Amino acid sequence: MLPISDGSKGQGPAMAALTFMTLFCACFLLQLYLGGGEPLVPVNLAFVPGLLFGGASLPENVPVIPPPATLISYMFLHGGWMHLLGNLLYLWVFGPKLERTVGSGRFTVLVIVSTVVAALAQAWTDPSSSVPMVGASGGVSGILGAYLVLHPRTEISVIVPVVIVMRVVYLPAFVVLAAWFLLQLLYANLPSSAGGGIAFSAHVGGFVAGLALAPLLGPRFSGYARV
């Protein structure tokens, strides 16, 4: 089930969402340039739980930045085209409407806080891990969590497989996002070898952060529309 639209495009600018998308793309192009066509992932900018909580160290001659700073810097790095495009798709589908609801400033706060919470959620499973984590999925998961709270009944266009063909259907946001979250929760509780290197615990942490922050960042009046 792949979301492709919430029908809200063309209803006004969403500068924060577009800025994040532009930054992710620019950073990835820089990774490709530095890696000679393959995305170079600077380990000192990735989030490594063991660098923050102890148990891991950087290779020699690698510039050290304060480990707490990597709680944010890792968001701007991606491991490949599909990794980047997946995050851009979800940000494109769910970001603009949410930003127009909460405002660009609060939207930015939501993404950054969710990114940090996602990293800490992943570190919770193994604080001494030396495995670098990169990607905007934690922040994007926060967007999905907030979207579920503020726009649960918005119709989402999704592509679903029907026998051997793909078909576009329209489902309420709460169905799409609840299914997505349950899938992340399932994979987060499987053995690590089954995850394919994906930080599912970070997705869960970011989503929960979005759920918690949405009532605080949403419109400050009673009876706001939940469409």
N, C-alpha and C. Protein backbone atom coordinates (compact mmCIF):
# COMPACT_ATOMS: atom_id res chain seq x y z
N MET A 1 0.86 -1.18 0.00
CA MET A 1 0.00 0.00 0.00
C MET A 1 0.90 1.23 0.00
N LEU A 2 0.86 1.99 -1.10
CA LEU A 2 1.77 3.12 -1.28
C LEU A 2 0.96 4.41 -1.42
N PRO A 3 1.06 5.35 -0.45
CA PRO A 3 0.32 6.61 -0.56
C PRO A 3 0.92 7.49 -1.65
N ILE A 4 0.05 8.17 -2.41
CA ILE A 4 0.54 9.03 -3.48
C ILE A 4 -0.02 10.45 -3.40
N SER A 5 -1.11 10.67 -2.66
CA SER A 5 -1.67 12.02 -2.57
C SER A 5 -2.74 12.08 -1.48
N ASP A 6 -2.87 13.28 -0.88
CA ASP A 6 -4.00 13.50 0.03
C ASP A 6 -4.95 14.55 -0.54
N GLY A 7 -4.77 14.87 -1.83
CA GLY A 7 -5.69 15.77 -2.51
C GLY A 7 -5.58 17.22 -2.13
N SER A 8 -4.51 17.61 -1.42
CA SER A 8 -4.43 18.99 -0.92
C SER A 8 -3.44 19.85 -1.69
N LYS A 9 -2.82 19.33 -2.75
CA LYS A 9 -1.84 20.12 -3.48
C LYS A 9 -2.51 21.31 -4.14
N GLY A 10 -1.77 22.40 -4.22
CA GLY A 10 -2.29 23.61 -4.84
C GLY A 10 -3.13 24.47 -3.92
N GLN A 11 -3.11 24.18 -2.62
CA GLN A 11 -3.92 24.95 -1.67
C GLN A 11 -3.09 25.97 -0.89
N GLY A 12 -1.92 26.29 -1.39
CA GLY A 12 -1.08 27.27 -0.71
C GLY A 12 0.32 26.70 -0.49
N PRO A 13 1.28 27.60 -0.24
CA PRO A 13 2.67 27.15 -0.10
C PRO A 13 2.89 26.37 1.19
N ALA A 14 3.87 25.50 1.13
CA ALA A 14 4.31 24.76 2.32
C ALA A 14 5.83 24.85 2.30
N MET A 15 6.35 26.01 2.70
CA MET A 15 7.75 26.32 2.49
C MET A 15 8.67 25.44 3.33
N ALA A 16 8.27 25.11 4.55
CA ALA A 16 9.14 24.29 5.39
C ALA A 16 9.30 22.89 4.81
N ALA A 17 8.19 22.30 4.38
CA ALA A 17 8.26 20.97 3.77
C ALA A 17 9.13 20.99 2.52
N LEU A 18 8.94 22.01 1.67
CA LEU A 18 9.74 22.11 0.45
C LEU A 18 11.21 22.35 0.78
N THR A 19 11.47 23.13 1.82
CA THR A 19 12.86 23.39 2.22
C THR A 19 13.54 22.11 2.69
N PHE A 20 12.84 21.33 3.51
CA PHE A 20 13.41 20.06 3.95
C PHE A 20 13.69 19.15 2.75
N MET A 21 12.75 19.07 1.83
CA MET A 21 12.94 18.22 0.65
C MET A 21 14.16 18.69 -0.15
N THR A 22 14.29 20.00 -0.32
CA THR A 22 15.43 20.54 -1.07
C THR A 22 16.75 20.22 -0.37
N LEU A 23 16.78 20.38 0.94
CA LEU A 23 18.00 20.09 1.70
C LEU A 23 18.38 18.62 1.61
N PHE A 24 17.38 17.74 1.72
CA PHE A 24 17.67 16.31 1.63
C PHE A 24 18.27 15.98 0.26
N CYS A 25 17.69 16.55 -0.79
CA CYS A 25 18.19 16.29 -2.15
C CYS A 25 19.59 16.86 -2.33
N ALA A 26 19.81 18.09 -1.85
CA ALA A 26 21.12 18.72 -2.00
C ALA A 26 22.20 17.94 -1.26
N CYS A 27 21.89 17.51 -0.05
CA CYS A 27 22.86 16.73 0.72
C CYS A 27 23.15 15.39 0.04
N PHE A 28 22.14 14.78 -0.54
CA PHE A 28 22.36 13.50 -1.20
C PHE A 28 23.21 13.67 -2.46
N LEU A 29 22.97 14.74 -3.20
CA LEU A 29 23.80 15.00 -4.38
C LEU A 29 25.25 15.23 -3.97
N LEU A 30 25.45 15.90 -2.83
CA LEU A 30 26.81 16.10 -2.32
C LEU A 30 27.42 14.76 -1.92
N GLN A 31 26.62 13.89 -1.30
CA GLN A 31 27.12 12.55 -0.96
C GLN A 31 27.57 11.80 -2.22
N LEU A 32 26.77 11.91 -3.29
CA LEU A 32 27.12 11.25 -4.55
C LEU A 32 28.40 11.82 -5.13
N TYR A 33 28.53 13.14 -5.06
CA TYR A 33 29.73 13.80 -5.59
C TYR A 33 30.97 13.36 -4.82
N LEU A 34 30.88 13.35 -3.51
CA LEU A 34 32.04 12.97 -2.69
C LEU A 34 32.36 11.49 -2.82
N GLY A 35 31.33 10.69 -3.11
CA GLY A 35 31.54 9.25 -3.22
C GLY A 35 31.80 8.78 -4.63
N GLY A 36 31.95 9.69 -5.58
CA GLY A 36 32.23 9.30 -6.96
C GLY A 36 31.11 8.54 -7.61
N GLY A 37 29.87 8.90 -7.31
CA GLY A 37 28.71 8.24 -7.91
C GLY A 37 27.96 7.34 -6.95
N GLU A 38 28.60 6.96 -5.86
CA GLU A 38 27.95 6.20 -4.79
C GLU A 38 27.81 7.11 -3.58
N PRO A 39 26.68 7.05 -2.87
CA PRO A 39 26.49 7.98 -1.74
C PRO A 39 27.49 7.72 -0.61
N LEU A 40 28.35 8.69 -0.37
CA LEU A 40 29.30 8.61 0.73
C LEU A 40 28.58 9.02 2.02
N VAL A 41 28.67 8.20 3.05
CA VAL A 41 28.04 8.50 4.33
C VAL A 41 29.13 8.82 5.35
N PRO A 42 29.35 10.11 5.66
CA PRO A 42 30.35 10.47 6.67
C PRO A 42 29.92 9.93 8.04
N VAL A 43 30.70 9.01 8.57
CA VAL A 43 30.30 8.33 9.81
C VAL A 43 30.22 9.31 10.97
N ASN A 44 30.98 10.41 10.92
CA ASN A 44 30.96 11.36 12.02
C ASN A 44 29.71 12.23 12.01
N LEU A 45 28.95 12.22 10.90
CA LEU A 45 27.69 12.97 10.83
C LEU A 45 26.47 12.06 11.02
N ALA A 46 26.69 10.76 10.91
CA ALA A 46 25.61 9.81 11.18
C ALA A 46 25.40 9.69 12.68
N PHE A 47 24.24 9.14 13.08
CA PHE A 47 24.00 8.93 14.50
C PHE A 47 24.47 7.53 14.88
N VAL A 48 25.45 7.48 15.77
CA VAL A 48 25.98 6.22 16.28
C VAL A 48 25.70 6.18 17.78
N PRO A 49 24.77 5.34 18.23
CA PRO A 49 24.40 5.34 19.66
C PRO A 49 25.61 5.23 20.60
N GLY A 50 26.57 4.40 20.24
CA GLY A 50 27.71 4.19 21.12
C GLY A 50 28.60 5.41 21.28
N LEU A 51 28.56 6.34 20.32
CA LEU A 51 29.33 7.57 20.46
C LEU A 51 28.69 8.50 21.48
N LEU A 52 27.38 8.44 21.58
CA LEU A 52 26.66 9.29 22.53
C LEU A 52 26.62 8.70 23.92
N PHE A 53 26.43 7.38 23.99
CA PHE A 53 26.25 6.74 25.29
C PHE A 53 27.44 5.89 25.73
N GLY A 54 28.46 5.78 24.88
CA GLY A 54 29.65 5.00 25.23
C GLY A 54 29.59 3.61 24.64
N GLY A 55 30.79 3.11 24.28
CA GLY A 55 30.85 1.77 23.72
C GLY A 55 31.30 1.73 22.29
N ALA A 56 31.47 2.89 21.67
CA ALA A 56 31.91 2.95 20.28
C ALA A 56 32.84 4.15 20.12
N SER A 57 33.65 4.12 19.09
CA SER A 57 34.57 5.21 18.81
C SER A 57 34.73 5.36 17.31
N LEU A 58 35.11 6.55 16.88
CA LEU A 58 35.32 6.81 15.46
C LEU A 58 36.68 6.29 15.03
N PRO A 59 36.82 5.94 13.75
CA PRO A 59 38.14 5.57 13.24
C PRO A 59 39.12 6.73 13.39
N GLU A 60 40.41 6.41 13.39
CA GLU A 60 41.43 7.45 13.49
C GLU A 60 41.35 8.41 12.31
N ASN A 61 41.72 9.65 12.59
CA ASN A 61 41.79 10.71 11.57
C ASN A 61 40.43 11.14 11.04
N VAL A 62 39.35 10.73 11.71
CA VAL A 62 38.02 11.21 11.33
C VAL A 62 37.65 12.38 12.23
N PRO A 63 37.33 13.56 11.66
CA PRO A 63 36.98 14.72 12.49
C PRO A 63 35.80 14.39 13.40
N VAL A 64 35.92 14.81 14.65
CA VAL A 64 34.88 14.53 15.63
C VAL A 64 34.00 15.76 15.80
N ILE A 65 32.69 15.56 15.71
CA ILE A 65 31.75 16.62 16.07
C ILE A 65 31.04 16.18 17.34
N PRO A 66 30.49 17.11 18.12
CA PRO A 66 29.83 16.70 19.37
C PRO A 66 28.76 15.65 19.09
N PRO A 67 28.81 14.49 19.75
CA PRO A 67 27.82 13.43 19.48
C PRO A 67 26.37 13.90 19.56
N PRO A 68 25.99 14.82 20.50
CA PRO A 68 24.59 15.26 20.51
C PRO A 68 24.17 15.92 19.20
N ALA A 69 25.12 16.54 18.48
CA ALA A 69 24.77 17.19 17.21
C ALA A 69 24.34 16.17 16.16
N THR A 70 24.81 14.94 16.28
CA THR A 70 24.44 13.92 15.30
C THR A 70 22.99 13.47 15.45
N LEU A 71 22.35 13.85 16.56
CA LEU A 71 20.93 13.56 16.73
C LEU A 71 20.09 14.28 15.67
N ILE A 72 20.68 15.31 15.05
CA ILE A 72 19.99 16.04 13.98
C ILE A 72 20.68 15.85 12.64
N SER A 73 22.01 15.86 12.64
CA SER A 73 22.73 15.81 11.36
C SER A 73 22.44 14.54 10.57
N TYR A 74 22.16 13.43 11.27
CA TYR A 74 21.92 12.17 10.56
C TYR A 74 20.70 12.24 9.64
N MET A 75 19.79 13.15 9.95
CA MET A 75 18.56 13.27 9.17
C MET A 75 18.83 13.68 7.72
N PHE A 76 19.93 14.39 7.48
CA PHE A 76 20.18 14.94 6.15
C PHE A 76 21.00 13.99 5.27
N LEU A 77 21.32 12.80 5.76
CA LEU A 77 22.09 11.83 4.99
C LEU A 77 21.20 10.65 4.62
N HIS A 78 21.44 10.07 3.45
CA HIS A 78 20.67 8.90 3.03
C HIS A 78 21.60 7.88 2.42
N GLY A 79 21.21 6.62 2.53
CA GLY A 79 22.06 5.53 2.10
C GLY A 79 21.91 5.14 0.65
N GLY A 80 20.93 5.66 -0.05
CA GLY A 80 20.72 5.31 -1.45
C GLY A 80 19.51 6.02 -2.01
N TRP A 81 19.32 5.86 -3.33
CA TRP A 81 18.22 6.54 -4.01
C TRP A 81 16.85 6.14 -3.45
N MET A 82 16.62 4.85 -3.25
CA MET A 82 15.32 4.40 -2.77
C MET A 82 15.05 4.91 -1.35
N HIS A 83 16.09 4.95 -0.54
CA HIS A 83 15.98 5.49 0.82
C HIS A 83 15.52 6.94 0.76
N LEU A 84 16.18 7.72 -0.08
CA LEU A 84 15.83 9.14 -0.22
C LEU A 84 14.43 9.31 -0.80
N LEU A 85 14.13 8.61 -1.89
CA LEU A 85 12.85 8.80 -2.57
C LEU A 85 11.67 8.37 -1.70
N GLY A 86 11.86 7.33 -0.89
CA GLY A 86 10.79 6.92 0.02
C GLY A 86 10.45 8.01 1.01
N ASN A 87 11.47 8.63 1.59
CA ASN A 87 11.22 9.71 2.54
C ASN A 87 10.62 10.94 1.87
N LEU A 88 11.11 11.25 0.66
CA LEU A 88 10.56 12.39 -0.07
C LEU A 88 9.08 12.17 -0.40
N LEU A 89 8.72 10.95 -0.76
CA LEU A 89 7.33 10.65 -1.11
C LEU A 89 6.41 10.91 0.08
N TYR A 90 6.74 10.36 1.24
CA TYR A 90 5.87 10.54 2.41
C TYR A 90 5.85 12.00 2.85
N LEU A 91 6.98 12.69 2.74
CA LEU A 91 7.00 14.11 3.09
C LEU A 91 6.15 14.92 2.11
N TRP A 92 6.18 14.55 0.83
CA TRP A 92 5.40 15.25 -0.19
C TRP A 92 3.90 15.02 -0.01
N VAL A 93 3.51 13.81 0.37
CA VAL A 93 2.10 13.48 0.50
C VAL A 93 1.51 14.09 1.78
N PHE A 94 2.21 13.94 2.90
CA PHE A 94 1.63 14.31 4.19
C PHE A 94 2.13 15.65 4.76
N GLY A 95 3.26 16.14 4.25
CA GLY A 95 3.83 17.34 4.83
C GLY A 95 3.07 18.63 4.59
N PRO A 96 2.70 18.95 3.33
CA PRO A 96 2.10 20.26 3.05
C PRO A 96 0.82 20.54 3.84
N LYS A 97 -0.12 19.59 3.87
CA LYS A 97 -1.38 19.83 4.57
C LYS A 97 -1.13 20.03 6.07
N LEU A 98 -0.22 19.23 6.62
CA LEU A 98 0.09 19.38 8.05
C LEU A 98 0.74 20.72 8.32
N GLU A 99 1.64 21.14 7.44
CA GLU A 99 2.29 22.44 7.63
C GLU A 99 1.30 23.58 7.57
N ARG A 100 0.35 23.50 6.64
CA ARG A 100 -0.65 24.57 6.56
C ARG A 100 -1.55 24.57 7.79
N THR A 101 -1.66 23.45 8.47
CA THR A 101 -2.48 23.37 9.68
C THR A 101 -1.77 23.97 10.88
N VAL A 102 -0.49 23.63 11.07
CA VAL A 102 0.22 24.03 12.29
C VAL A 102 1.12 25.23 12.08
N GLY A 103 1.41 25.58 10.84
CA GLY A 103 2.33 26.67 10.56
C GLY A 103 3.74 26.15 10.31
N SER A 104 4.52 26.92 9.57
CA SER A 104 5.85 26.47 9.16
C SER A 104 6.79 26.32 10.35
N GLY A 105 6.73 27.25 11.30
CA GLY A 105 7.61 27.18 12.46
C GLY A 105 7.36 25.94 13.30
N ARG A 106 6.10 25.68 13.62
CA ARG A 106 5.77 24.51 14.42
C ARG A 106 6.02 23.22 13.67
N PHE A 107 5.81 23.26 12.37
CA PHE A 107 6.11 22.09 11.54
C PHE A 107 7.60 21.75 11.64
N THR A 108 8.44 22.77 11.56
CA THR A 108 9.88 22.55 11.67
C THR A 108 10.26 21.99 13.03
N VAL A 109 9.66 22.54 14.08
CA VAL A 109 9.91 22.02 15.43
C VAL A 109 9.51 20.55 15.52
N LEU A 110 8.35 20.23 14.95
CA LEU A 110 7.87 18.84 14.97
C LEU A 110 8.87 17.91 14.31
N VAL A 111 9.37 18.29 13.14
CA VAL A 111 10.31 17.43 12.41
C VAL A 111 11.60 17.24 13.21
N ILE A 112 12.13 18.32 13.76
CA ILE A 112 13.40 18.23 14.49
C ILE A 112 13.25 17.41 15.77
N VAL A 113 12.19 17.68 16.53
CA VAL A 113 11.99 16.94 17.78
C VAL A 113 11.75 15.46 17.49
N SER A 114 10.96 15.18 16.47
CA SER A 114 10.70 13.78 16.11
C SER A 114 11.97 13.08 15.66
N THR A 115 12.84 13.81 14.96
CA THR A 115 14.12 13.26 14.53
C THR A 115 14.97 12.85 15.72
N VAL A 116 15.01 13.72 16.73
CA VAL A 116 15.79 13.43 17.94
C VAL A 116 15.19 12.25 18.70
N VAL A 117 13.88 12.26 18.89
CA VAL A 117 13.22 11.18 19.61
C VAL A 117 13.41 9.85 18.88
N ALA A 118 13.34 9.89 17.55
CA ALA A 118 13.53 8.67 16.76
C ALA A 118 14.91 8.08 16.99
N ALA A 119 15.93 8.93 16.99
CA ALA A 119 17.29 8.45 17.22
C ALA A 119 17.42 7.83 18.61
N LEU A 120 16.85 8.49 19.61
CA LEU A 120 16.93 7.96 20.98
C LEU A 120 16.16 6.66 21.11
N ALA A 121 15.04 6.54 20.38
CA ALA A 121 14.27 5.29 20.42
C ALA A 121 15.08 4.15 19.82
N GLN A 122 15.80 4.43 18.74
CA GLN A 122 16.64 3.40 18.14
C GLN A 122 17.80 3.05 19.08
N ALA A 123 18.38 4.05 19.73
CA ALA A 123 19.49 3.81 20.65
C ALA A 123 19.03 3.00 21.86
N TRP A 124 17.77 3.14 22.24
CA TRP A 124 17.24 2.42 23.40
C TRP A 124 17.42 0.92 23.25
N THR A 125 17.33 0.42 22.02
CA THR A 125 17.45 -1.02 21.78
C THR A 125 18.88 -1.51 21.96
N ASP A 126 19.87 -0.64 21.74
CA ASP A 126 21.28 -1.03 21.91
C ASP A 126 22.12 0.24 22.06
N PRO A 127 22.21 0.77 23.28
CA PRO A 127 22.91 2.06 23.49
C PRO A 127 24.38 2.04 23.10
N SER A 128 25.01 0.90 23.09
CA SER A 128 26.44 0.83 22.76
C SER A 128 26.69 0.48 21.30
N SER A 129 25.65 0.45 20.49
CA SER A 129 25.79 0.06 19.09
C SER A 129 26.76 0.98 18.35
N SER A 130 27.55 0.38 17.47
CA SER A 130 28.46 1.16 16.63
C SER A 130 27.94 1.27 15.20
N VAL A 131 26.69 0.87 14.97
CA VAL A 131 26.10 0.92 13.63
C VAL A 131 25.59 2.33 13.35
N PRO A 132 26.09 3.01 12.31
CA PRO A 132 25.61 4.37 12.00
C PRO A 132 24.17 4.34 11.49
N MET A 133 23.39 5.33 11.90
CA MET A 133 22.02 5.47 11.42
C MET A 133 21.90 6.78 10.65
N VAL A 134 21.29 6.72 9.47
CA VAL A 134 21.09 7.91 8.65
C VAL A 134 19.68 7.90 8.09
N GLY A 135 19.21 9.07 7.68
CA GLY A 135 17.92 9.16 7.01
C GLY A 135 16.93 10.04 7.73
N ALA A 136 15.97 10.55 6.96
CA ALA A 136 14.95 11.46 7.48
C ALA A 136 13.71 10.73 7.98
N SER A 137 13.75 9.39 8.04
CA SER A 137 12.55 8.63 8.36
C SER A 137 11.98 8.98 9.73
N GLY A 138 12.85 9.26 10.71
CA GLY A 138 12.35 9.60 12.04
C GLY A 138 11.51 10.86 12.03
N GLY A 139 12.02 11.91 11.38
CA GLY A 139 11.27 13.15 11.29
C GLY A 139 10.00 13.00 10.47
N VAL A 140 10.09 12.24 9.37
CA VAL A 140 8.90 11.99 8.55
C VAL A 140 7.87 11.20 9.33
N SER A 141 8.32 10.25 10.14
CA SER A 141 7.38 9.48 10.99
C SER A 141 6.64 10.39 11.94
N GLY A 142 7.33 11.41 12.45
CA GLY A 142 6.66 12.39 13.31
C GLY A 142 5.56 13.13 12.58
N ILE A 143 5.81 13.44 11.30
CA ILE A 143 4.77 14.08 10.48
C ILE A 143 3.56 13.17 10.36
N LEU A 144 3.81 11.88 10.15
CA LEU A 144 2.70 10.94 10.01
C LEU A 144 1.89 10.84 11.29
N GLY A 145 2.58 10.80 12.44
CA GLY A 145 1.87 10.74 13.71
C GLY A 145 1.00 11.96 13.95
N ALA A 146 1.54 13.14 13.67
CA ALA A 146 0.76 14.37 13.85
C ALA A 146 -0.40 14.43 12.86
N TYR A 147 -0.16 13.98 11.65
CA TYR A 147 -1.21 13.96 10.63
C TYR A 147 -2.38 13.08 11.08
N LEU A 148 -2.05 11.95 11.67
CA LEU A 148 -3.09 11.04 12.15
C LEU A 148 -3.98 11.72 13.19
N VAL A 149 -3.38 12.53 14.05
CA VAL A 149 -4.15 13.22 15.09
C VAL A 149 -4.99 14.35 14.50
N LEU A 150 -4.41 15.13 13.60
CA LEU A 150 -5.06 16.36 13.13
C LEU A 150 -5.94 16.17 11.89
N HIS A 151 -5.68 15.13 11.12
CA HIS A 151 -6.45 14.92 9.88
C HIS A 151 -6.77 13.44 9.68
N PRO A 152 -7.39 12.81 10.65
CA PRO A 152 -7.59 11.35 10.56
C PRO A 152 -8.53 10.91 9.45
N ARG A 153 -9.45 11.78 9.02
CA ARG A 153 -10.44 11.37 8.03
C ARG A 153 -10.17 11.88 6.62
N THR A 154 -9.04 12.53 6.43
CA THR A 154 -8.67 12.93 5.07
C THR A 154 -8.51 11.71 4.19
N GLU A 155 -9.05 11.77 2.98
CA GLU A 155 -8.92 10.65 2.05
C GLU A 155 -7.54 10.65 1.42
N ILE A 156 -6.85 9.51 1.52
CA ILE A 156 -5.52 9.35 0.96
C ILE A 156 -5.59 8.43 -0.26
N SER A 157 -5.02 8.88 -1.37
CA SER A 157 -4.92 8.02 -2.55
C SER A 157 -3.75 7.07 -2.35
N VAL A 158 -4.01 5.80 -2.43
CA VAL A 158 -2.95 4.81 -2.25
C VAL A 158 -2.99 3.81 -3.40
N ILE A 159 -1.82 3.31 -3.74
CA ILE A 159 -1.71 2.25 -4.74
C ILE A 159 -1.65 0.92 -4.02
N VAL A 160 -2.55 0.02 -4.37
CA VAL A 160 -2.57 -1.30 -3.75
C VAL A 160 -2.55 -2.36 -4.85
N PRO A 161 -1.90 -3.49 -4.58
CA PRO A 161 -1.90 -4.58 -5.57
C PRO A 161 -3.24 -5.32 -5.55
N VAL A 162 -3.83 -5.51 -6.70
CA VAL A 162 -5.06 -6.29 -6.83
C VAL A 162 -4.77 -7.41 -7.83
N VAL A 163 -4.61 -8.62 -7.31
CA VAL A 163 -4.18 -9.77 -8.10
C VAL A 163 -2.82 -9.44 -8.72
N ILE A 164 -2.78 -9.19 -10.05
CA ILE A 164 -1.49 -8.92 -10.68
C ILE A 164 -1.40 -7.49 -11.21
N VAL A 165 -2.36 -6.64 -10.86
CA VAL A 165 -2.33 -5.26 -11.31
C VAL A 165 -2.31 -4.34 -10.10
N MET A 166 -1.93 -3.08 -10.35
CA MET A 166 -1.93 -2.06 -9.30
C MET A 166 -3.13 -1.15 -9.51
N ARG A 167 -3.78 -0.80 -8.41
CA ARG A 167 -4.98 0.01 -8.50
C ARG A 167 -4.93 1.13 -7.46
N VAL A 168 -5.42 2.30 -7.85
CA VAL A 168 -5.51 3.43 -6.92
C VAL A 168 -6.83 3.37 -6.19
N VAL A 169 -6.79 3.39 -4.86
CA VAL A 169 -8.00 3.43 -4.04
C VAL A 169 -7.87 4.59 -3.07
N TYR A 170 -8.99 4.96 -2.45
CA TYR A 170 -9.01 6.09 -1.53
C TYR A 170 -9.40 5.58 -0.15
N LEU A 171 -8.53 5.83 0.82
CA LEU A 171 -8.75 5.36 2.18
C LEU A 171 -8.59 6.51 3.15
N PRO A 172 -9.31 6.48 4.27
CA PRO A 172 -9.12 7.52 5.30
C PRO A 172 -7.70 7.48 5.84
N ALA A 173 -7.18 8.65 6.21
CA ALA A 173 -5.81 8.73 6.68
C ALA A 173 -5.57 7.82 7.88
N PHE A 174 -6.57 7.69 8.77
CA PHE A 174 -6.32 6.87 9.96
C PHE A 174 -6.10 5.40 9.61
N VAL A 175 -6.71 4.94 8.51
CA VAL A 175 -6.50 3.55 8.08
C VAL A 175 -5.09 3.39 7.52
N VAL A 176 -4.68 4.31 6.65
CA VAL A 176 -3.36 4.24 6.02
C VAL A 176 -2.26 4.35 7.06
N LEU A 177 -2.39 5.33 7.96
CA LEU A 177 -1.31 5.59 8.91
C LEU A 177 -1.29 4.58 10.05
N ALA A 178 -2.45 4.11 10.48
CA ALA A 178 -2.47 3.07 11.50
C ALA A 178 -1.86 1.78 10.97
N ALA A 179 -2.15 1.44 9.71
CA ALA A 179 -1.56 0.25 9.10
C ALA A 179 -0.05 0.40 8.98
N TRP A 180 0.39 1.59 8.59
CA TRP A 180 1.83 1.84 8.47
C TRP A 180 2.51 1.69 9.84
N PHE A 181 1.91 2.28 10.88
CA PHE A 181 2.52 2.22 12.21
C PHE A 181 2.57 0.79 12.74
N LEU A 182 1.51 0.06 12.57
CA LEU A 182 1.49 -1.33 13.06
C LEU A 182 2.55 -2.17 12.36
N LEU A 183 2.78 -1.89 11.08
CA LEU A 183 3.81 -2.62 10.35
C LEU A 183 5.20 -2.28 10.90
N GLN A 184 5.43 -0.99 11.19
CA GLN A 184 6.72 -0.60 11.77
C GLN A 184 6.91 -1.23 13.15
N LEU A 185 5.83 -1.26 13.93
CA LEU A 185 5.89 -1.85 15.26
C LEU A 185 6.19 -3.34 15.18
N LEU A 186 5.60 -4.00 14.21
CA LEU A 186 5.85 -5.43 14.03
C LEU A 186 7.31 -5.69 13.71
N TYR A 187 7.83 -4.97 12.72
CA TYR A 187 9.22 -5.18 12.32
C TYR A 187 10.20 -4.77 13.42
N ALA A 188 9.84 -3.76 14.21
CA ALA A 188 10.72 -3.32 15.30
C ALA A 188 10.90 -4.40 16.35
N ASN A 189 9.93 -5.31 16.45
CA ASN A 189 10.00 -6.36 17.46
C ASN A 189 10.46 -7.70 16.90
N LEU A 190 10.83 -7.72 15.63
CA LEU A 190 11.41 -8.92 15.05
C LEU A 190 12.92 -8.93 15.31
N PRO A 191 13.58 -10.09 15.19
CA PRO A 191 15.04 -10.12 15.32
C PRO A 191 15.68 -9.12 14.36
N SER A 192 16.79 -8.52 14.78
CA SER A 192 17.41 -7.47 13.98
C SER A 192 17.78 -7.93 12.58
N SER A 193 18.08 -9.21 12.41
CA SER A 193 18.46 -9.72 11.09
C SER A 193 17.32 -9.67 10.10
N ALA A 194 16.07 -9.56 10.61
CA ALA A 194 14.91 -9.53 9.72
C ALA A 194 14.58 -8.13 9.24
N GLY A 195 15.27 -7.13 9.77
CA GLY A 195 14.92 -5.75 9.46
C GLY A 195 15.58 -5.20 8.22
N GLY A 196 16.55 -5.93 7.67
CA GLY A 196 17.19 -5.45 6.45
C GLY A 196 17.94 -4.15 6.63
N GLY A 197 18.42 -3.87 7.84
CA GLY A 197 19.18 -2.66 8.09
C GLY A 197 18.33 -1.42 8.27
N ILE A 198 17.03 -1.56 8.36
CA ILE A 198 16.12 -0.42 8.55
C ILE A 198 15.88 -0.20 10.04
N ALA A 199 15.94 1.06 10.47
CA ALA A 199 15.77 1.38 11.89
C ALA A 199 14.29 1.53 12.21
N PHE A 200 13.59 0.41 12.33
CA PHE A 200 12.15 0.46 12.57
C PHE A 200 11.81 1.07 13.93
N SER A 201 12.67 0.87 14.92
CA SER A 201 12.40 1.48 16.23
C SER A 201 12.41 3.00 16.13
N ALA A 202 13.25 3.54 15.24
CA ALA A 202 13.26 4.99 15.02
C ALA A 202 11.95 5.45 14.40
N HIS A 203 11.40 4.67 13.48
CA HIS A 203 10.11 5.01 12.89
C HIS A 203 9.03 5.06 13.97
N VAL A 204 9.05 4.06 14.85
CA VAL A 204 8.05 4.01 15.92
C VAL A 204 8.22 5.21 16.84
N GLY A 205 9.47 5.51 17.23
CA GLY A 205 9.71 6.63 18.12
C GLY A 205 9.30 7.95 17.52
N GLY A 206 9.63 8.17 16.24
CA GLY A 206 9.24 9.41 15.58
C GLY A 206 7.73 9.56 15.48
N PHE A 207 7.05 8.46 15.15
CA PHE A 207 5.59 8.49 15.02
C PHE A 207 4.94 8.83 16.35
N VAL A 208 5.40 8.20 17.42
CA VAL A 208 4.84 8.48 18.75
C VAL A 208 5.11 9.93 19.15
N ALA A 209 6.29 10.45 18.80
CA ALA A 209 6.58 11.86 19.08
C ALA A 209 5.60 12.76 18.36
N GLY A 210 5.29 12.44 17.11
CA GLY A 210 4.32 13.23 16.36
C GLY A 210 2.94 13.17 16.98
N LEU A 211 2.53 11.98 17.43
CA LEU A 211 1.24 11.84 18.12
C LEU A 211 1.17 12.73 19.34
N ALA A 212 2.27 12.73 20.11
CA ALA A 212 2.28 13.50 21.36
C ALA A 212 2.34 15.00 21.12
N LEU A 213 3.07 15.40 20.08
CA LEU A 213 3.26 16.83 19.84
C LEU A 213 2.09 17.48 19.12
N ALA A 214 1.33 16.71 18.36
CA ALA A 214 0.27 17.28 17.54
C ALA A 214 -0.71 18.16 18.33
N PRO A 215 -1.21 17.71 19.50
CA PRO A 215 -2.15 18.56 20.23
C PRO A 215 -1.51 19.87 20.70
N LEU A 216 -0.19 19.86 20.90
CA LEU A 216 0.50 21.06 21.37
C LEU A 216 0.80 22.03 20.23
N LEU A 217 0.99 21.50 19.04
CA LEU A 217 1.36 22.33 17.90
C LEU A 217 0.18 22.72 17.02
N GLY A 218 -0.95 22.05 17.20
CA GLY A 218 -2.11 22.30 16.36
C GLY A 218 -2.75 23.65 16.63
N PRO A 219 -3.77 23.99 15.87
CA PRO A 219 -4.47 25.27 16.02
C PRO A 219 -4.95 25.48 17.45
N ARG A 220 -4.82 26.70 17.94
CA ARG A 220 -5.13 27.01 19.31
C ARG A 220 -6.59 27.43 19.50
N PHE A 221 -7.49 26.70 18.90
CA PHE A 221 -8.89 26.99 19.13
C PHE A 221 -9.66 25.69 19.14
N SER A 222 -10.78 25.69 19.82
CA SER A 222 -11.57 24.46 19.94
C SER A 222 -12.31 24.20 18.65
N GLY A 223 -12.56 22.96 18.39
CA GLY A 223 -13.36 22.56 17.24
C GLY A 223 -12.67 22.73 15.92
N TYR A 224 -11.32 22.67 15.90
CA TYR A 224 -10.63 22.79 14.62
C TYR A 224 -10.98 21.59 13.74
N ALA A 225 -10.94 21.85 12.44
CA ALA A 225 -11.38 20.84 11.48
C ALA A 225 -10.43 19.65 11.48
N ARG A 226 -11.00 18.46 11.49
CA ARG A 226 -10.21 17.23 11.38
C ARG A 226 -10.65 16.55 10.09
N VAL A 227 -10.17 17.06 8.94
CA VAL A 227 -10.62 16.54 7.66
C VAL A 227 -9.49 15.85 6.92
